[in-house]
N, C-alpha and C. Protein backbone atom coordinates (compact mmCIF):
# COMPACT_ATOMS: atom_id res chain seq x y z
N MET A 1 16.45 63.92 119.86
CA MET A 1 14.93 63.79 121.06
C MET A 1 13.70 64.26 119.79
N ARG A 2 13.43 63.21 120.02
CA ARG A 2 11.80 63.47 119.17
C ARG A 2 10.11 63.72 120.33
N VAL A 3 9.67 64.55 120.04
CA VAL A 3 8.62 64.51 120.77
C VAL A 3 7.13 64.88 119.26
N VAL A 4 6.36 63.60 119.54
CA VAL A 4 5.51 64.00 118.48
C VAL A 4 4.12 65.12 118.97
N ALA A 5 4.01 66.03 118.62
CA ALA A 5 2.58 66.70 118.73
C ALA A 5 1.36 67.06 118.73
N GLN A 6 0.54 67.02 119.66
CA GLN A 6 -1.04 66.47 118.72
C GLN A 6 -2.10 66.89 119.68
N ARG A 7 -2.30 68.28 118.87
CA ARG A 7 -3.42 69.27 119.32
C ARG A 7 -4.33 68.86 119.20
N VAL A 8 -4.95 68.26 120.93
CA VAL A 8 -6.26 68.08 121.45
C VAL A 8 -7.00 68.92 122.13
N ALA A 9 -8.56 68.29 122.05
CA ALA A 9 -9.61 68.75 123.00
C ALA A 9 -9.19 68.66 124.40
N ARG A 10 -8.58 67.50 124.17
CA ARG A 10 -8.67 67.31 125.47
C ARG A 10 -7.88 65.51 126.24
N ALA A 11 -7.74 65.05 126.49
CA ALA A 11 -7.00 63.74 126.51
C ALA A 11 -6.61 63.64 128.36
N ARG A 12 -6.70 61.76 128.30
CA ARG A 12 -6.38 61.22 129.49
C ARG A 12 -4.87 59.95 129.57
N VAL A 13 -4.46 59.33 130.83
CA VAL A 13 -3.85 58.92 130.48
C VAL A 13 -3.75 58.17 131.75
N TRP A 14 -3.96 56.62 131.23
CA TRP A 14 -3.80 55.88 133.09
C TRP A 14 -2.94 54.97 132.67
N ALA A 15 -1.93 54.51 134.04
CA ALA A 15 -1.11 53.97 133.92
C ALA A 15 -1.16 52.99 135.22
N GLU A 16 -1.02 51.27 135.03
CA GLU A 16 -2.28 50.46 135.86
C GLU A 16 -3.52 50.75 136.18
N GLY A 17 -4.23 51.10 135.42
CA GLY A 17 -5.56 50.98 136.25
C GLY A 17 -5.85 52.49 137.06
N ILE A 18 -5.02 53.32 137.19
CA ILE A 18 -5.03 54.81 137.79
C ILE A 18 -4.62 55.87 136.91
N GLU A 19 -5.60 56.62 136.88
CA GLU A 19 -5.00 57.78 136.48
C GLU A 19 -4.36 59.08 136.59
N THR A 20 -3.25 59.33 135.62
CA THR A 20 -1.67 59.86 135.96
C THR A 20 -2.13 60.94 135.02
N GLY A 21 -2.10 61.48 134.78
CA GLY A 21 -2.90 62.39 133.66
C GLY A 21 -3.77 63.21 133.30
N ALA A 22 -4.21 64.04 133.20
CA ALA A 22 -5.81 64.57 132.74
C ALA A 22 -5.61 66.13 132.48
N ILE A 23 -5.54 66.62 130.73
CA ILE A 23 -5.39 68.15 130.71
C ILE A 23 -7.57 68.48 129.46
N GLY A 24 -7.94 69.78 129.59
CA GLY A 24 -8.36 69.83 128.79
C GLY A 24 -7.74 70.31 127.11
N ARG A 25 -8.20 71.37 126.40
CA ARG A 25 -7.54 71.99 125.17
C ARG A 25 -5.84 72.34 125.48
N GLY A 26 -4.85 71.64 124.73
CA GLY A 26 -3.95 71.54 125.05
C GLY A 26 -3.30 70.27 124.30
N LEU A 27 -2.32 69.98 124.82
CA LEU A 27 -1.40 69.10 123.47
C LEU A 27 -0.69 68.48 123.83
N VAL A 28 -0.42 67.03 123.54
CA VAL A 28 -0.56 65.75 124.02
C VAL A 28 0.56 65.94 123.22
N LEU A 29 2.15 65.53 123.95
CA LEU A 29 3.15 65.70 123.45
C LEU A 29 3.91 63.86 123.62
N LEU A 30 4.22 63.10 123.35
CA LEU A 30 4.93 62.10 123.03
C LEU A 30 5.91 62.54 122.66
N ALA A 31 6.74 61.84 123.99
CA ALA A 31 8.50 62.00 124.11
C ALA A 31 9.27 60.58 123.80
N ALA A 32 10.50 60.66 123.29
CA ALA A 32 11.65 60.06 123.11
C ALA A 32 12.70 60.99 123.50
N PHE A 33 14.06 59.84 123.72
CA PHE A 33 15.30 60.33 124.00
C PHE A 33 16.38 59.30 123.16
N ARG A 34 16.85 59.90 122.55
CA ARG A 34 18.41 59.29 122.99
C ARG A 34 19.81 59.55 123.43
N ALA A 35 20.81 58.70 124.11
CA ALA A 35 21.56 58.46 125.09
C ALA A 35 22.64 60.31 124.70
N ALA A 36 22.47 61.09 123.64
CA ALA A 36 23.95 61.63 123.25
C ALA A 36 22.52 63.65 123.97
N ASP A 37 21.12 62.79 123.97
CA ASP A 37 20.88 64.27 124.42
C ASP A 37 21.06 64.69 125.72
N GLY A 38 21.01 65.62 125.29
CA GLY A 38 20.79 66.52 126.93
C GLY A 38 20.41 68.03 127.05
N GLU A 39 20.98 69.17 128.66
CA GLU A 39 20.38 70.17 128.65
C GLU A 39 19.88 71.35 127.82
N ALA A 40 20.31 70.80 126.87
CA ALA A 40 20.38 72.20 125.59
C ALA A 40 19.52 71.56 124.39
N GLU A 41 19.42 70.31 124.33
CA GLU A 41 18.45 69.73 123.40
C GLU A 41 16.38 69.47 124.00
N LEU A 42 16.56 69.32 125.37
CA LEU A 42 15.79 69.36 125.96
C LEU A 42 14.80 71.09 126.52
N ASP A 43 15.94 71.73 127.07
CA ASP A 43 15.64 73.06 126.36
C ASP A 43 15.19 73.56 125.52
N TRP A 44 15.58 73.36 124.44
CA TRP A 44 15.42 73.68 122.64
C TRP A 44 13.51 73.12 122.57
N MET A 45 14.03 71.72 122.62
CA MET A 45 12.30 71.40 122.36
C MET A 45 11.36 71.97 123.75
N ALA A 46 11.50 71.93 125.06
CA ALA A 46 10.26 73.40 125.18
C ALA A 46 10.19 74.01 124.76
N ARG A 47 11.04 74.54 124.66
CA ARG A 47 10.70 76.11 123.76
C ARG A 47 10.13 75.86 122.69
N ARG A 48 9.74 75.60 122.58
CA ARG A 48 9.69 75.07 121.24
C ARG A 48 8.59 74.46 120.70
N CYS A 49 7.87 73.78 121.84
CA CYS A 49 6.77 72.58 122.17
C CYS A 49 5.84 73.88 122.96
N ALA A 50 6.18 74.91 124.33
CA ALA A 50 5.61 75.74 124.43
C ALA A 50 5.77 77.14 123.46
N ALA A 51 5.94 76.82 121.98
CA ALA A 51 5.50 78.20 121.59
C ALA A 51 5.04 77.85 120.52
N LEU A 52 5.24 76.59 119.75
CA LEU A 52 4.47 76.12 118.76
C LEU A 52 3.31 76.50 118.70
N ARG A 53 2.89 77.83 117.22
CA ARG A 53 1.69 78.28 116.36
C ARG A 53 0.97 76.91 115.87
N VAL A 54 0.25 76.17 116.72
CA VAL A 54 -0.69 75.29 116.68
C VAL A 54 -2.49 75.34 116.38
N PHE A 55 -2.76 76.96 116.42
CA PHE A 55 -3.74 76.61 117.46
C PHE A 55 -4.75 77.73 117.25
N PRO A 56 -5.26 78.34 116.29
CA PRO A 56 -6.81 78.71 115.46
C PRO A 56 -5.75 80.02 116.34
N ASP A 57 -6.52 81.67 115.64
CA ASP A 57 -6.78 82.47 116.14
C ASP A 57 -7.62 82.67 115.02
N GLU A 58 -8.17 84.55 115.82
CA GLU A 58 -9.75 85.01 115.33
C GLU A 58 -10.00 84.25 113.94
N HIS A 59 -9.05 84.34 112.86
CA HIS A 59 -9.12 83.71 111.30
C HIS A 59 -9.57 82.60 111.02
N ASP A 60 -8.74 82.02 112.10
CA ASP A 60 -8.63 80.33 112.09
C ASP A 60 -7.79 80.06 111.33
N ARG A 61 -6.88 80.84 111.83
CA ARG A 61 -5.52 80.11 110.96
C ARG A 61 -4.02 79.88 112.42
N ASN A 62 -3.67 79.09 112.39
CA ASN A 62 -3.18 78.88 113.23
C ASN A 62 -1.87 80.07 113.24
N ASN A 63 -2.32 80.25 114.59
CA ASN A 63 -0.87 81.77 114.65
C ASN A 63 -1.63 81.51 116.30
N LEU A 64 -1.69 80.62 117.31
CA LEU A 64 -1.27 80.81 118.57
C LEU A 64 -0.83 79.98 119.12
N SER A 65 -0.22 79.83 119.62
CA SER A 65 0.74 78.81 120.99
C SER A 65 0.16 78.03 122.24
N LEU A 66 0.37 77.20 123.02
CA LEU A 66 0.10 76.93 124.12
C LEU A 66 0.19 78.25 124.82
N LEU A 67 0.91 79.12 124.67
CA LEU A 67 1.33 80.26 125.69
C LEU A 67 -0.13 81.29 125.14
N ASP A 68 0.10 81.40 124.42
CA ASP A 68 -0.97 82.78 124.23
C ASP A 68 -2.07 81.92 124.23
N ILE A 69 -2.50 80.71 124.51
CA ILE A 69 -3.96 80.30 124.60
C ILE A 69 -4.60 79.67 126.43
N GLY A 70 -3.98 79.65 126.92
CA GLY A 70 -3.08 79.39 128.08
C GLY A 70 -3.79 77.43 127.79
N GLY A 71 -3.24 76.95 127.31
CA GLY A 71 -3.11 75.35 126.73
C GLY A 71 -2.38 74.51 127.81
N GLU A 72 -2.87 73.14 128.33
CA GLU A 72 -2.21 72.70 128.75
C GLU A 72 -1.58 71.62 128.12
N ALA A 73 -0.52 70.32 128.84
CA ALA A 73 0.82 70.19 128.18
C ALA A 73 0.68 68.96 128.97
N LEU A 74 0.60 67.54 127.97
CA LEU A 74 0.30 65.97 128.48
C LEU A 74 1.51 65.72 128.34
N VAL A 75 2.41 64.84 129.04
CA VAL A 75 3.36 64.56 128.49
C VAL A 75 3.95 63.06 128.95
N ILE A 76 3.82 62.33 127.91
CA ILE A 76 3.87 61.04 127.94
C ILE A 76 5.27 60.36 127.34
N SER A 77 6.27 60.01 127.65
CA SER A 77 7.04 59.07 127.00
C SER A 77 7.36 57.50 126.75
N GLN A 78 7.63 57.92 125.58
CA GLN A 78 8.09 56.57 124.12
C GLN A 78 8.96 57.00 123.56
N PHE A 79 10.07 56.32 124.28
CA PHE A 79 10.65 55.05 123.33
C PHE A 79 10.53 54.88 121.70
N THR A 80 8.93 53.83 121.07
CA THR A 80 9.18 53.69 120.35
C THR A 80 9.36 54.77 119.62
N LEU A 81 9.13 56.03 119.71
CA LEU A 81 9.23 56.86 118.03
C LEU A 81 10.97 56.43 117.79
N TYR A 82 12.36 55.99 118.66
CA TYR A 82 12.96 56.01 118.01
C TYR A 82 13.65 54.11 117.34
N GLY A 83 12.41 53.78 116.88
CA GLY A 83 11.62 52.15 116.51
C GLY A 83 12.28 52.53 115.05
N ASP A 84 13.58 51.40 114.46
CA ASP A 84 14.18 50.76 113.61
C ASP A 84 13.16 49.59 113.34
N ALA A 85 12.06 50.30 111.71
CA ALA A 85 11.82 48.89 111.04
C ALA A 85 12.34 48.94 109.95
N SER A 86 13.32 49.59 109.47
CA SER A 86 13.95 49.42 108.13
C SER A 86 15.24 47.89 107.47
N ARG A 87 14.75 46.82 108.72
CA ARG A 87 15.27 45.55 108.37
C ARG A 87 14.11 44.46 109.11
N GLY A 88 13.40 43.75 108.91
CA GLY A 88 12.96 42.84 109.16
C GLY A 88 11.38 43.75 109.78
N ASN A 89 10.64 43.06 110.68
CA ASN A 89 9.70 43.13 110.81
C ASN A 89 9.48 43.68 112.43
N ARG A 90 10.67 43.90 113.64
CA ARG A 90 10.37 43.92 114.82
C ARG A 90 11.37 44.63 114.77
N PRO A 91 10.81 45.88 115.15
CA PRO A 91 11.51 47.11 114.86
C PRO A 91 13.09 47.22 116.52
N SER A 92 14.02 47.43 115.67
CA SER A 92 15.28 47.95 116.83
C SER A 92 14.70 49.04 117.20
N TYR A 93 15.51 49.38 119.00
CA TYR A 93 15.48 50.98 119.62
C TYR A 93 16.50 50.08 119.77
N VAL A 94 17.67 50.46 119.49
CA VAL A 94 19.18 51.14 119.45
C VAL A 94 19.37 52.53 119.82
N GLU A 95 18.87 53.49 119.28
CA GLU A 95 18.91 54.83 118.92
C GLU A 95 18.58 55.57 119.78
N ALA A 96 17.39 54.28 121.14
CA ALA A 96 16.96 55.60 121.95
C ALA A 96 17.24 54.59 123.10
N ALA A 97 17.54 56.13 124.23
CA ALA A 97 18.31 56.01 125.57
C ALA A 97 17.92 54.86 126.04
N PRO A 98 18.70 54.04 127.06
CA PRO A 98 18.44 53.31 127.98
C PRO A 98 17.66 53.37 129.14
N PRO A 99 16.46 53.13 129.32
CA PRO A 99 16.06 53.92 130.45
C PRO A 99 16.02 53.99 131.68
N ALA A 100 17.41 54.06 131.81
CA ALA A 100 18.21 54.52 133.91
C ALA A 100 18.54 56.34 132.89
N LEU A 101 18.36 56.17 131.56
CA LEU A 101 19.04 57.77 131.40
C LEU A 101 17.86 58.08 131.03
N ALA A 102 16.84 58.04 130.22
CA ALA A 102 15.97 58.58 129.38
C ALA A 102 15.38 58.88 130.96
N ALA A 103 14.82 58.19 131.74
CA ALA A 103 13.38 58.24 132.78
C ALA A 103 14.42 59.97 133.10
N GLY A 104 15.56 59.93 133.64
CA GLY A 104 16.13 61.53 133.91
C GLY A 104 15.76 62.22 133.43
N LEU A 105 15.92 62.38 131.75
CA LEU A 105 15.81 63.17 130.80
C LEU A 105 14.32 63.77 130.37
N TYR A 106 13.19 62.62 130.58
CA TYR A 106 12.01 62.89 130.65
C TYR A 106 11.68 63.74 131.72
N GLU A 107 11.89 63.26 133.35
CA GLU A 107 11.37 64.49 133.89
C GLU A 107 12.56 65.57 133.83
N ARG A 108 13.62 65.76 133.22
CA ARG A 108 13.67 67.63 133.89
C ARG A 108 13.15 67.89 132.21
N PHE A 109 12.98 67.57 131.15
CA PHE A 109 11.38 67.69 129.57
C PHE A 109 10.54 68.19 130.51
N CYS A 110 10.32 67.39 131.25
CA CYS A 110 8.62 68.34 132.49
C CYS A 110 8.95 68.97 133.12
N GLU A 111 10.52 69.14 133.25
CA GLU A 111 10.24 70.47 134.82
C GLU A 111 10.50 71.78 133.58
N LEU A 112 11.35 71.48 132.48
CA LEU A 112 11.52 72.99 131.52
C LEU A 112 10.45 73.53 130.96
N LEU A 113 9.40 72.63 130.23
CA LEU A 113 8.50 72.32 129.65
C LEU A 113 7.10 73.20 131.16
N ALA A 114 7.06 72.92 131.96
CA ALA A 114 6.62 73.77 133.29
C ALA A 114 6.67 74.21 133.05
N ALA A 115 7.87 74.52 133.51
CA ALA A 115 8.47 76.55 133.65
C ALA A 115 8.33 76.97 133.05
N ARG A 116 8.61 77.04 131.50
CA ARG A 116 8.56 77.75 130.27
C ARG A 116 6.05 78.06 130.13
N LEU A 117 5.32 76.91 130.72
CA LEU A 117 3.96 77.57 130.70
C LEU A 117 3.92 77.77 131.79
N GLY A 118 4.53 78.08 132.80
CA GLY A 118 3.98 78.47 134.00
C GLY A 118 3.44 77.99 134.35
N ARG A 119 2.90 76.85 134.77
CA ARG A 119 2.16 75.26 135.37
C ARG A 119 2.74 74.15 135.21
N GLN A 120 2.72 73.50 135.99
CA GLN A 120 2.68 71.69 135.50
C GLN A 120 1.93 71.43 134.73
N VAL A 121 3.08 70.24 134.06
CA VAL A 121 2.22 69.30 132.92
C VAL A 121 1.80 67.75 133.16
N ALA A 122 0.77 67.72 132.67
CA ALA A 122 0.73 66.72 133.10
C ALA A 122 1.40 65.46 132.67
N ARG A 123 1.55 63.98 132.95
CA ARG A 123 1.80 63.03 132.58
C ARG A 123 1.72 61.57 132.88
N GLY A 124 2.21 61.19 131.77
CA GLY A 124 2.03 59.78 132.10
C GLY A 124 3.17 58.68 133.08
N ARG A 125 3.75 57.79 132.80
CA ARG A 125 4.44 57.46 133.92
C ARG A 125 5.10 57.02 133.59
N PHE A 126 6.47 56.36 133.82
CA PHE A 126 7.45 57.27 132.70
C PHE A 126 7.58 54.89 133.19
N GLY A 127 8.04 54.81 132.24
CA GLY A 127 8.03 52.79 131.72
C GLY A 127 7.56 52.16 131.84
N ALA A 128 5.70 52.93 131.81
CA ALA A 128 4.59 51.88 132.67
C ALA A 128 4.26 51.34 130.79
N HIS A 129 3.55 50.79 131.32
CA HIS A 129 2.13 50.58 129.61
C HIS A 129 1.13 51.02 129.93
N MET A 130 0.89 52.03 129.33
CA MET A 130 -0.25 53.16 129.65
C MET A 130 -1.44 53.09 129.04
N ARG A 131 -2.97 53.60 128.67
CA ARG A 131 -3.75 53.62 128.20
C ARG A 131 -3.83 55.11 127.85
N ILE A 132 -3.92 55.82 126.38
CA ILE A 132 -4.44 57.03 126.40
C ILE A 132 -5.83 57.08 126.07
N GLU A 133 -6.19 58.40 126.27
CA GLU A 133 -7.48 59.01 125.51
C GLU A 133 -7.45 59.95 124.97
N MET A 134 -7.35 60.23 123.70
CA MET A 134 -7.80 62.07 123.36
C MET A 134 -8.33 62.44 122.44
N LEU A 135 -9.17 63.15 122.57
CA LEU A 135 -10.11 63.44 121.28
C LEU A 135 -9.21 64.75 120.51
N ALA A 136 -9.03 64.27 119.45
CA ALA A 136 -7.93 65.52 118.47
C ALA A 136 -8.55 66.35 118.53
N ASP A 137 -7.55 67.12 117.71
CA ASP A 137 -8.71 67.64 117.03
C ASP A 137 -7.97 69.11 116.16
N GLY A 138 -8.88 68.83 114.74
CA GLY A 138 -8.10 69.55 113.70
C GLY A 138 -8.90 68.17 112.57
N PRO A 139 -7.85 66.39 113.02
CA PRO A 139 -6.17 66.79 113.80
C PRO A 139 -5.37 67.63 113.11
N VAL A 140 -4.29 67.76 114.15
CA VAL A 140 -3.13 68.74 113.55
C VAL A 140 -1.89 67.71 114.40
N THR A 141 -1.27 66.72 113.98
CA THR A 141 0.17 66.74 114.41
C THR A 141 1.26 66.89 114.34
N ILE A 142 2.04 67.07 114.42
CA ILE A 142 3.54 67.96 114.15
C ILE A 142 4.95 66.53 114.36
N LEU A 143 5.69 66.49 114.31
CA LEU A 143 7.06 65.54 114.53
C LEU A 143 8.11 66.61 114.17
N LEU A 144 8.71 67.14 115.66
CA LEU A 144 9.50 67.52 116.14
C LEU A 144 10.61 67.29 116.30
N GLU A 145 12.53 67.32 115.75
CA GLU A 145 13.41 66.68 116.10
C GLU A 145 14.66 67.24 117.08
N ARG A 146 14.99 67.32 117.76
CA ARG A 146 16.44 68.59 117.71
C ARG A 146 17.91 67.13 117.44
N GLU A 147 18.37 66.59 116.59
CA GLU A 147 19.46 65.79 117.42
C GLU A 147 20.72 66.28 118.13
N ALA A 148 21.26 65.76 118.98
CA ALA A 148 22.17 66.23 120.28
C ALA A 148 23.34 66.84 119.64
N ALA A 149 24.18 67.19 119.95
CA ALA A 149 25.39 68.68 119.50
C ALA A 149 25.88 67.38 119.48
N ALA A 150 26.50 66.76 120.39
CA ALA A 150 27.54 65.23 120.15
C ALA A 150 27.32 64.28 118.99
N ALA A 151 25.90 64.45 118.32
CA ALA A 151 25.36 63.24 117.61
C ALA A 151 25.95 64.33 116.13
N ARG A 152 25.65 65.74 116.18
CA ARG A 152 25.69 66.23 114.67
C ARG A 152 27.56 66.55 114.38
N GLY A 153 28.05 66.73 115.70
CA GLY A 153 29.65 67.03 115.26
C GLY A 153 29.76 67.96 115.35
């Protein structure tokens, strides 16, 4: 599982012209899944995203998390994070979970993150073409990855 976490002052997402999610201060989480990902990877990532210390404290040091600041999360499915462009000019997405599986992983990740934060998370629409508006804060962008136990061997 891969997540790109972007610290934002605010963000909104639209699918098919309809706003599906909006947040104030918090994190936009672009999430991608592999077929081998399961509950352990989803739970690890939800814990990590909720506790990621990327917000400034009173000394302007990044010591605070979403939990500490009461921040919000906007989760957007983005299988292209598993795009491999090492050969040719068209990325291959063979490492990404197939859509039917990824949709369930996405929903479960959102549920686990919401439980960690004690609030609903805003969402994009799985499988849809989306427009995302973000006001990046910092900017602070972190790549998180958790390889499935099955893939680790």
